[in-house]
């Protein structure tokens, strides 16, 4: 079971996404199946990545052998940049928690393009500053969050991937034990929290799935939880 987590939603600058989507920098499209590793601890790390869709979990193994979830990367995330300073080995593992499509590029190629495109250099600098601030903020926030807050935040993120039409509904193809692993809680805690969400008519529990009835209402509820304004 995972212990501790921080959920990140990284939206990179539009021009940064464009260089991958339009192939302005040599890159390789990749597709990962659910549960497939993008990299493992102690792997060499020759690429940086931009996610087109899906969800990547970044985690480490603790001294007592447990898995600790650090971050989640979602659509629009640009990551792997921490290893630009040479062929270093990672101390983390990155796993696809949903079917995920992404672009892989050699950092040197991205760097060459940035040097030749000054406006992108400014955008990337702004992104890196935001990345460092947001990462530190989210780790602090989620280290003190309870299961209700963590699960609500996770479901809001997943809803963006599985939103159906204009009615604000989403069907999340994850079981309770998978959700528990993602938020670092026990299965019974997740079951109880989902039951409370269902009583509020935010979600509907289904076998092997969670149906989000109204994404906007769930998002408002998650903000109220975070602000401490939600009363049972």
Protein backbone atom coordinates (compact mmCIF):
# COMPACT_ATOMS: atom_id res chain seq x y z
CA UNK A 1 0.00 0.00 0.00
CA UNK A 2 1.26 3.48 -0.76
CA UNK A 3 1.90 5.92 2.07
CA UNK A 4 1.74 9.66 1.56
CA UNK A 5 1.03 11.40 -1.72
CA UNK A 6 0.87 14.67 -3.61
CA UNK A 7 -1.36 15.13 -6.63
CA UNK A 8 0.03 17.35 -9.34
CA UNK A 9 -1.78 18.77 -12.35
CA UNK A 10 0.95 20.27 -14.51
CA UNK A 11 -0.25 22.30 -17.47
CA UNK A 12 2.82 23.29 -19.47
CA UNK A 13 2.95 26.44 -21.63
CA UNK A 14 1.03 26.08 -24.91
CA UNK A 15 4.16 26.59 -27.02
CA UNK A 16 5.93 23.88 -25.02
CA UNK A 17 3.14 21.42 -25.78
CA UNK A 18 3.14 22.46 -29.43
CA UNK A 19 6.76 21.48 -30.00
CA UNK A 20 5.83 17.89 -29.12
CA UNK A 21 2.40 17.74 -30.75
CA UNK A 22 3.69 19.23 -34.01
CA UNK A 23 6.98 17.31 -34.01
CA UNK A 24 9.13 20.45 -33.92
CA UNK A 25 11.56 18.56 -31.71
CA UNK A 26 12.47 14.96 -32.59
CA UNK A 27 10.37 12.81 -30.26
CA UNK A 28 8.85 9.36 -30.10
CA UNK A 29 5.16 8.77 -29.31
CA UNK A 30 4.73 6.07 -26.69
CA UNK A 31 1.73 4.26 -25.26
CA UNK A 32 1.80 2.60 -21.83
CA UNK A 33 -0.68 0.05 -20.60
CA UNK A 34 -2.14 0.34 -17.11
CA UNK A 35 0.48 -0.90 -14.63
CA UNK A 36 3.39 -0.57 -17.08
CA UNK A 37 6.58 1.11 -15.84
CA UNK A 38 7.91 4.15 -17.65
CA UNK A 39 11.10 3.74 -15.64
CA UNK A 40 12.19 1.89 -12.52
CA UNK A 41 14.42 2.86 -9.63
CA UNK A 42 18.10 2.86 -10.64
CA UNK A 43 17.28 2.93 -14.38
CA UNK A 44 19.25 5.30 -16.56
CA UNK A 45 17.11 8.23 -17.60
CA UNK A 46 17.81 9.42 -21.16
CA UNK A 47 14.47 11.15 -21.92
CA UNK A 48 12.05 13.84 -20.84
CA UNK A 49 8.33 13.42 -21.44
CA UNK A 50 5.10 15.21 -22.23
CA UNK A 51 1.82 13.43 -21.41
CA UNK A 52 -0.94 13.51 -24.00
CA UNK A 53 -3.44 11.57 -21.88
CA UNK A 54 -3.46 9.26 -18.89
CA UNK A 55 -1.93 9.24 -15.42
CA UNK A 56 1.65 8.53 -14.27
CA UNK A 57 2.49 7.82 -10.63
CA UNK A 58 5.94 8.74 -9.32
CA UNK A 59 6.92 6.70 -6.26
CA UNK A 60 9.84 5.51 -4.14
CA UNK A 61 10.52 2.46 -2.01
CA UNK A 62 10.90 3.25 1.69
CA UNK A 63 13.51 1.68 3.97
CA UNK A 64 10.91 -0.73 5.38
CA UNK A 65 9.96 -1.92 1.90
CA UNK A 66 6.75 0.02 1.46
CA UNK A 67 5.89 2.08 -1.60
CA UNK A 68 5.49 5.82 -1.08
CA UNK A 69 3.64 7.82 -3.70
CA UNK A 70 5.24 11.20 -4.37
CA UNK A 71 3.44 12.77 -7.32
CA UNK A 72 0.92 12.16 -10.06
CA UNK A 73 1.45 13.55 -13.56
CA UNK A 74 -1.56 14.07 -15.82
CA UNK A 75 -2.39 15.40 -19.27
CA UNK A 76 -0.08 18.30 -20.25
CA UNK A 77 2.65 17.38 -17.74
CA UNK A 78 6.24 17.92 -18.89
CA UNK A 79 8.56 15.93 -16.65
CA UNK A 80 11.87 14.11 -16.49
CA UNK A 81 13.59 17.48 -16.65
CA UNK A 82 15.27 16.90 -13.27
CA UNK A 83 17.68 14.52 -14.99
CA UNK A 84 18.95 16.92 -17.66
CA UNK A 85 22.29 17.31 -15.92
CA UNK A 86 23.73 14.09 -17.29
CA UNK A 87 23.11 10.37 -17.56
CA UNK A 88 22.03 9.92 -13.94
CA UNK A 89 20.17 6.94 -12.56
CA UNK A 90 16.79 7.51 -10.98
CA UNK A 91 15.86 6.82 -7.38
CA UNK A 92 12.14 6.87 -8.23
CA UNK A 93 9.85 4.65 -10.27
CA UNK A 94 7.23 5.95 -12.72
CA UNK A 95 4.17 3.77 -13.38
CA UNK A 96 1.15 4.26 -15.65
CA UNK A 97 -1.96 4.08 -13.46
CA UNK A 98 -4.20 4.40 -16.52
CA UNK A 99 -3.58 3.71 -20.21
CA UNK A 100 -1.24 6.60 -21.02
CA UNK A 101 0.02 8.22 -24.20
CA UNK A 102 3.08 10.46 -24.11
CA UNK A 103 5.99 11.82 -26.13
CA UNK A 104 9.60 10.95 -25.27
CA UNK A 105 12.41 13.27 -26.35
CA UNK A 106 16.13 13.49 -25.68
CA UNK A 107 16.77 16.48 -23.39
CA UNK A 108 19.60 17.67 -25.62
CA UNK A 109 17.20 18.01 -28.57
CA UNK A 110 14.71 19.98 -26.48
CA UNK A 111 17.52 22.18 -25.15
CA UNK A 112 18.79 22.89 -28.67
CA UNK A 113 15.30 23.92 -29.76
CA UNK A 114 14.93 26.19 -26.71
CA UNK A 115 18.22 27.96 -27.48
CA UNK A 116 17.03 28.58 -31.03
CA UNK A 117 13.62 29.81 -29.85
CA UNK A 118 14.00 32.61 -27.24
CA UNK A 119 10.25 32.96 -26.58
CA UNK A 120 10.14 29.31 -25.56
CA UNK A 121 13.03 29.85 -23.15
CA UNK A 122 10.91 32.39 -21.25
CA UNK A 123 7.91 30.06 -21.20
CA UNK A 124 10.01 27.14 -19.98
CA UNK A 125 11.60 29.25 -17.22
CA UNK A 126 8.14 30.26 -16.05
CA UNK A 127 7.03 26.65 -16.12
CA UNK A 128 10.01 25.47 -14.07
CA UNK A 129 9.41 28.15 -11.43
CA UNK A 130 5.75 27.13 -11.24
CA UNK A 131 6.74 23.45 -11.14
CA UNK A 132 9.04 23.90 -8.14
CA UNK A 133 6.53 26.03 -6.23
CA UNK A 134 3.54 23.80 -6.99
CA UNK A 135 5.39 20.60 -6.16
CA UNK A 136 6.50 21.88 -2.76
CA UNK A 137 3.03 23.29 -2.02
CA UNK A 138 1.18 20.11 -2.96
CA UNK A 139 3.49 17.84 -0.98
CA UNK A 140 2.91 19.96 2.14
CA UNK A 141 -0.86 20.12 1.54
CA UNK A 142 -1.33 16.43 0.99
CA UNK A 143 0.94 15.31 3.81
CA UNK A 144 -1.67 16.73 6.19
CA UNK A 145 -4.78 15.86 4.16
CA UNK A 146 -7.23 13.17 5.24
CA UNK A 147 -8.61 10.44 3.00
CA UNK A 148 -11.72 12.48 2.10
CA UNK A 149 -9.62 15.34 0.70
CA UNK A 150 -7.15 13.09 -1.11
CA UNK A 151 -9.83 10.97 -2.73
CA UNK A 152 -11.94 13.97 -3.78
CA UNK A 153 -8.87 15.61 -5.35
CA UNK A 154 -7.91 12.40 -7.15
CA UNK A 155 -11.43 11.87 -8.52
CA UNK A 156 -11.50 15.44 -9.84
CA UNK A 157 -8.24 14.78 -11.71
CA UNK A 158 -9.46 11.46 -13.10
CA UNK A 159 -12.76 13.03 -14.17
CA UNK A 160 -10.84 15.26 -16.58
CA UNK A 161 -9.65 12.10 -18.36
CA UNK A 162 -13.03 10.38 -18.45
CA UNK A 163 -15.54 13.22 -18.83
CA UNK A 164 -18.50 12.07 -20.93
CA UNK A 165 -20.28 14.64 -23.08
CA UNK A 166 -21.62 17.87 -21.63
CA UNK A 167 -23.56 16.46 -18.70
CA UNK A 168 -20.59 16.55 -16.36
CA UNK A 169 -20.53 12.79 -15.82
CA UNK A 170 -17.44 10.57 -15.76
CA UNK A 171 -16.90 6.83 -15.32
CA UNK A 172 -13.61 6.03 -13.54
CA UNK A 173 -12.40 2.46 -14.26
CA UNK A 174 -10.63 1.88 -10.94
CA UNK A 175 -11.49 -0.50 -8.10
CA UNK A 176 -11.50 0.45 -4.43
CA UNK A 177 -8.14 -1.21 -3.76
CA UNK A 178 -6.57 0.67 -6.67
CA UNK A 179 -7.94 3.98 -5.37
CA UNK A 180 -6.69 3.07 -1.91
CA UNK A 181 -3.20 2.47 -3.28
CA UNK A 182 -3.24 5.81 -5.04
CA UNK A 183 -4.23 7.85 -1.99
CA UNK A 184 -2.23 5.85 0.55
CA UNK A 185 -5.21 4.60 2.54
CA UNK A 186 -6.75 1.26 3.43
CA UNK A 187 -9.50 -0.20 1.27
CA UNK A 188 -12.15 0.12 3.99
CA UNK A 189 -11.41 3.84 4.40
CA UNK A 190 -11.88 4.40 0.67
CA UNK A 191 -15.11 2.37 0.73
CA UNK A 192 -16.46 4.51 3.58
CA UNK A 193 -15.47 7.78 1.92
CA UNK A 194 -17.08 6.75 -1.38
CA UNK A 195 -20.23 5.82 0.54
CA UNK A 196 -20.33 9.31 2.07
CA UNK A 197 -19.78 10.86 -1.39
CA UNK A 198 -22.61 8.73 -2.74
CA UNK A 199 -24.96 9.96 -0.02
CA UNK A 200 -24.18 13.48 -1.19
CA UNK A 201 -25.12 12.42 -4.73
CA UNK A 202 -21.60 13.19 -5.97
CA UNK A 203 -20.69 9.67 -7.10
CA UNK A 204 -22.31 6.33 -7.73
CA UNK A 205 -20.47 3.17 -6.74
CA UNK A 206 -20.39 0.41 -9.36
CA UNK A 207 -18.58 -2.90 -9.57
CA UNK A 208 -15.02 -2.12 -10.67
CA UNK A 209 -15.88 1.53 -11.39
CA UNK A 210 -16.78 4.82 -9.77
CA UNK A 211 -19.32 6.96 -11.63
CA UNK A 212 -18.98 10.68 -11.00
CA UNK A 213 -22.46 12.15 -11.32
CA UNK A 214 -21.53 15.84 -11.57
CA UNK A 215 -17.88 16.82 -11.99
CA UNK A 216 -18.49 20.51 -11.26
CA UNK A 217 -20.25 19.73 -7.97
CA UNK A 218 -17.48 17.32 -7.01
CA UNK A 219 -14.89 20.00 -7.77
CA UNK A 220 -16.75 22.52 -5.57
CA UNK A 221 -17.02 19.91 -2.82
CA UNK A 222 -13.28 19.19 -3.02
CA UNK A 223 -12.49 22.91 -2.68
CA UNK A 224 -14.78 23.14 0.34
CA UNK A 225 -13.05 20.14 1.94
CA UNK A 226 -9.65 21.72 1.40
CA UNK A 227 -10.84 25.02 2.87
CA UNK A 228 -12.43 23.26 5.84
CA UNK A 229 -15.88 24.59 4.92
CA UNK A 230 -17.57 21.22 4.44
CA UNK A 231 -19.93 20.10 7.21
CA UNK A 232 -21.13 16.48 7.48
